[in-house]
Amino acid sequence: MQTFDQSLFDLYTRELITYEEALIRASNPDDFKLRIQGIRLRVDSAREDMERTMTEFDRRRPAVAFQEEHRDGAPQLLANS
């Protein structure tokens, strides 16, 4: 999950909106300016830590899928390869 301003920053860095548009719409324009200047906020650090943790978790977790239809009507757990 991310804040509205983090989402604006993502749109700005992908060049989908202009700096001016992002600044007008930012819920905290001063914090947004700091983010553009490369100054990391605590909320950004926490988000990056969470994303890194989730990526590690996904990499280590075995992939599984549920087969919707089975002969007896019950879902069957299958390991993906």
Foldseek 3Di string as FASTA:
>chain_A
DDDPLVVLVVCVVVVVDDPVVSLVPDPDNVVSVCVVVVNDDPRNVVVVVVVVVVVVVVVPDFDWDWDCQDPVRDIDIDGDD
